[in-house]
Amino acid sequence: QRDSAAYLAQGIPSLVAENQRLRQLLTLSGRISTPYVAAEVLHQAQATDGRTLLLDVGRSDLVSEFDPVVAPEGLIGMVLGAAEHSSVVMTWAHPEFRVSAYTVGGNASGVVAPALSSLGGEGALEFRGVPYRDSVPVGTLVLSSGLGGVYPKGIPVGTVTGVAREQAGWERVYRLLPVASPGAVAHVLVLISPP
């Protein structure tokens, strides 16, 4: 009996963590006005798989290409391809990922993309195209702007950790620490277009 109780107790911390994540997802669903479909991540991103995730929802659930995918913390990516009962998500770590964004204060806007090199180790995103005259302080939250019609306005993307590089008199490129980790999510929301 003691061994059985010890064995069962080992699973309790993981169940508590999963319950907490699901509660955060429920809180997120109450804050957004866009129709959504809840999804389970069937495959976690690995270094060798092109920075994608596999979800258990597809066209039969009204999921289609270019639908945004979010976690309680913020943006994960977008649906790259949708089959009948599953879909593939391109995460923010994918080399082709881009999102138009702006800072919380509204003083700077640009495009967020994966970092050209991960030598800094602080983050894997860059906030590009910010005019040289616009200075963004460290710790500033960057949100999706809604331009381009893929990602709705106001989804958290990352936090500024410093300047990656600059071209004198032209632009600054800032390093971002992503707010959501694709490798840590088990459940997400897919923001779908109304039928």
Protein backbone atom coordinates (compact mmCIF):
# COMPACT_ATOMS: atom_id res chain seq x y z
CA GLN A 1 0.00 0.00 0.00
CA ARG A 2 2.84 2.39 0.82
CA ASP A 3 4.52 1.73 -2.54
CA SER A 4 1.24 2.28 -4.38
CA ALA A 5 0.66 5.55 -2.53
CA ALA A 6 4.22 6.71 -3.29
CA TYR A 7 3.77 5.84 -6.97
CA LEU A 8 0.51 7.80 -7.18
CA ALA A 9 2.03 10.78 -5.35
CA GLN A 10 4.74 11.09 -8.02
CA GLY A 11 2.15 12.10 -10.62
CA ILE A 12 0.47 14.76 -8.50
CA PRO A 13 2.89 17.68 -9.27
CA SER A 14 2.47 17.18 -13.02
CA LEU A 15 -1.32 17.05 -12.65
CA VAL A 16 -1.29 20.25 -10.58
CA ALA A 17 0.85 21.99 -13.23
CA GLU A 18 -1.43 20.82 -16.06
CA ASN A 19 -4.53 21.98 -14.16
CA GLN A 20 -2.93 25.39 -13.62
CA ARG A 21 -2.15 25.71 -17.37
CA LEU A 22 -5.72 24.74 -18.27
CA ARG A 23 -7.08 27.34 -15.85
CA GLN A 24 -4.86 29.98 -17.49
CA LEU A 25 -6.22 28.93 -20.89
CA LEU A 26 -9.80 29.31 -19.60
CA THR A 27 -8.95 32.79 -18.32
CA LEU A 28 -7.50 33.68 -21.73
CA SER A 29 -10.63 32.45 -23.53
CA GLY A 30 -12.69 34.86 -21.44
CA ARG A 31 -10.51 37.84 -22.45
CA ILE A 32 -10.60 37.41 -26.22
CA SER A 33 -13.49 38.33 -28.48
CA THR A 34 -12.34 36.33 -31.53
CA PRO A 35 -13.96 32.92 -32.06
CA TYR A 36 -11.54 30.13 -31.11
CA VAL A 37 -11.06 26.37 -30.96
CA ALA A 38 -9.21 24.76 -28.04
CA ALA A 39 -6.52 22.33 -29.17
CA GLU A 40 -4.09 19.84 -27.69
CA VAL A 41 -0.49 19.78 -28.88
CA LEU A 42 0.26 16.29 -30.15
CA HIS A 43 3.90 16.90 -31.00
CA GLN A 44 6.32 19.21 -29.24
CA ALA A 45 8.88 21.19 -31.21
CA GLN A 46 12.35 19.67 -31.43
CA ALA A 47 15.52 21.18 -32.86
CA THR A 48 15.29 18.91 -35.89
CA ASP A 49 11.65 19.33 -36.95
CA GLY A 50 11.52 22.77 -38.56
CA ARG A 51 10.06 24.58 -35.53
CA THR A 52 6.49 23.31 -35.92
CA LEU A 53 3.78 21.81 -33.72
CA LEU A 54 1.05 19.29 -34.53
CA LEU A 55 -2.44 19.99 -33.15
CA ASP A 56 -5.44 17.67 -32.76
CA VAL A 57 -7.86 20.03 -34.58
CA GLY A 58 -8.32 20.59 -38.29
CA ARG A 59 -10.73 21.59 -41.05
CA SER A 60 -13.59 19.66 -39.42
CA ASP A 61 -13.18 22.06 -36.44
CA LEU A 62 -13.21 25.13 -38.78
CA VAL A 63 -9.43 25.53 -38.52
CA SER A 64 -7.75 26.81 -41.68
CA GLU A 65 -4.38 28.08 -42.88
CA PHE A 66 -3.15 31.37 -41.38
CA ASP A 67 -5.26 31.05 -38.20
CA PRO A 68 -3.30 32.48 -35.21
CA VAL A 69 -2.36 30.14 -32.35
CA VAL A 70 -2.02 31.51 -28.82
CA ALA A 71 -1.13 30.28 -25.33
CA PRO A 72 -2.09 32.00 -22.06
CA GLU A 73 1.21 33.94 -22.13
CA GLY A 74 0.92 35.13 -25.74
CA LEU A 75 1.58 34.32 -29.38
CA ILE A 76 2.78 30.84 -30.39
CA GLY A 77 2.44 31.09 -34.18
CA MET A 78 -0.04 30.37 -36.98
CA VAL A 79 -1.55 27.38 -38.73
CA LEU A 80 0.64 26.44 -41.67
CA GLY A 81 -1.53 23.62 -42.97
CA ALA A 82 -4.82 22.05 -41.94
CA ALA A 83 -5.92 18.46 -42.60
CA GLU A 84 -9.36 17.09 -41.72
CA HIS A 85 -8.60 16.32 -38.06
CA SER A 86 -5.15 17.82 -37.45
CA SER A 87 -3.10 20.89 -38.29
CA VAL A 88 0.54 21.95 -38.40
CA VAL A 89 1.54 25.19 -36.67
CA MET A 90 4.49 27.36 -37.67
CA THR A 91 5.82 28.71 -34.36
CA TRP A 92 7.62 32.01 -33.84
CA ALA A 93 10.90 30.05 -33.94
CA HIS A 94 10.34 29.11 -37.62
CA PRO A 95 12.70 30.99 -40.01
CA GLU A 96 9.75 32.26 -42.09
CA PHE A 97 7.72 33.63 -39.15
CA ARG A 98 6.88 37.37 -39.18
CA VAL A 99 4.37 39.49 -37.24
CA SER A 100 3.73 43.23 -37.45
CA ALA A 101 4.04 44.65 -33.94
CA TYR A 102 4.14 47.75 -31.75
CA THR A 103 5.25 48.60 -28.23
CA VAL A 104 2.80 48.91 -25.34
CA GLY A 105 3.45 52.65 -25.10
CA GLY A 106 2.77 52.96 -28.82
CA ASN A 107 5.97 54.89 -29.44
CA ALA A 108 7.52 52.32 -31.83
CA SER A 109 6.36 49.84 -34.43
CA GLY A 110 8.08 47.31 -36.64
CA VAL A 111 8.20 43.63 -37.53
CA VAL A 112 9.04 40.75 -35.18
CA ALA A 113 10.99 37.87 -36.70
CA PRO A 114 13.29 35.08 -35.48
CA ALA A 115 16.79 36.26 -34.53
CA LEU A 116 19.44 35.99 -37.21
CA SER A 117 21.76 34.33 -34.72
CA SER A 118 21.13 32.94 -31.27
CA LEU A 119 24.58 33.84 -29.93
CA GLY A 120 23.18 36.08 -27.17
CA GLY A 121 21.08 33.27 -25.73
CA GLU A 122 18.65 35.81 -24.23
CA GLY A 123 15.91 35.39 -26.80
CA ALA A 124 15.11 34.07 -30.19
CA LEU A 125 13.20 37.05 -31.61
CA GLU A 126 14.11 40.44 -33.06
CA PHE A 127 11.99 43.60 -33.30
CA ARG A 128 13.10 44.99 -36.67
CA GLY A 129 12.45 48.15 -38.63
CA VAL A 130 12.15 50.45 -35.60
CA PRO A 131 13.09 54.00 -36.71
CA TYR A 132 16.42 55.17 -35.28
CA ARG A 133 14.73 58.17 -33.61
CA ASP A 134 12.42 55.87 -31.61
CA SER A 135 14.09 54.47 -28.50
CA VAL A 136 12.55 51.44 -26.80
CA PRO A 137 13.51 50.84 -23.15
CA VAL A 138 14.50 47.39 -21.87
CA GLY A 139 11.50 45.57 -20.40
CA THR A 140 8.96 47.06 -22.84
CA LEU A 141 6.24 44.61 -23.93
CA VAL A 142 5.75 44.20 -27.69
CA LEU A 143 2.27 43.30 -29.01
CA SER A 144 0.89 42.25 -32.40
CA SER A 145 -0.44 45.28 -34.29
CA GLY A 146 -3.16 43.64 -36.38
CA LEU A 147 -1.63 44.87 -39.65
CA GLY A 148 -1.59 42.25 -42.39
CA GLY A 149 -4.83 40.63 -41.29
CA VAL A 150 -3.36 37.42 -39.81
CA TYR A 151 -2.80 38.22 -36.13
CA PRO A 152 -5.37 40.26 -34.17
CA LYS A 153 -4.19 43.44 -32.45
CA GLY A 154 -2.89 43.18 -28.89
CA ILE A 155 -1.46 39.65 -28.58
CA PRO A 156 1.75 39.71 -26.45
CA VAL A 157 4.78 38.65 -28.49
CA GLY A 158 7.89 39.43 -26.44
CA THR A 159 9.73 41.74 -24.06
CA VAL A 160 12.65 43.96 -25.14
CA THR A 161 15.97 42.83 -23.66
CA GLY A 162 18.29 45.25 -25.48
CA VAL A 163 19.57 46.49 -28.83
CA ALA A 164 20.76 43.74 -31.19
CA ARG A 165 22.23 46.09 -33.81
CA GLU A 166 21.64 49.46 -35.40
CA GLN A 167 22.29 51.33 -38.60
CA ALA A 168 23.28 54.89 -37.73
CA GLY A 169 20.51 57.28 -38.59
CA TRP A 170 18.26 54.61 -40.09
CA GLU A 171 16.94 51.85 -37.81
CA ARG A 172 17.43 49.91 -34.60
CA VAL A 173 16.87 46.18 -34.19
CA TYR A 174 15.93 45.08 -30.67
CA ARG A 175 16.31 41.64 -29.06
CA LEU A 176 13.08 40.20 -27.67
CA LEU A 177 12.52 37.56 -25.04
CA PRO A 178 9.45 35.63 -26.28
CA VAL A 179 6.53 35.57 -23.82
CA ALA A 180 5.36 32.07 -24.81
CA SER A 181 7.45 28.94 -25.28
CA PRO A 182 6.24 26.53 -28.00
CA GLY A 183 8.18 23.70 -26.38
CA ALA A 184 6.32 24.09 -23.09
CA VAL A 185 2.70 24.21 -24.29
CA ALA A 186 0.34 21.24 -24.16
CA HIS A 187 -2.90 23.14 -24.89
CA VAL A 188 -3.49 26.21 -27.07
CA LEU A 189 -6.29 28.25 -28.61
CA VAL A 190 -6.61 28.56 -32.39
CA LEU A 191 -8.28 31.85 -33.29
CA ILE A 192 -10.58 31.02 -36.18
CA SER A 193 -12.36 33.21 -38.72
CA PRO A 194 -16.13 33.32 -38.23
CA PRO A 195 -17.91 30.97 -40.65
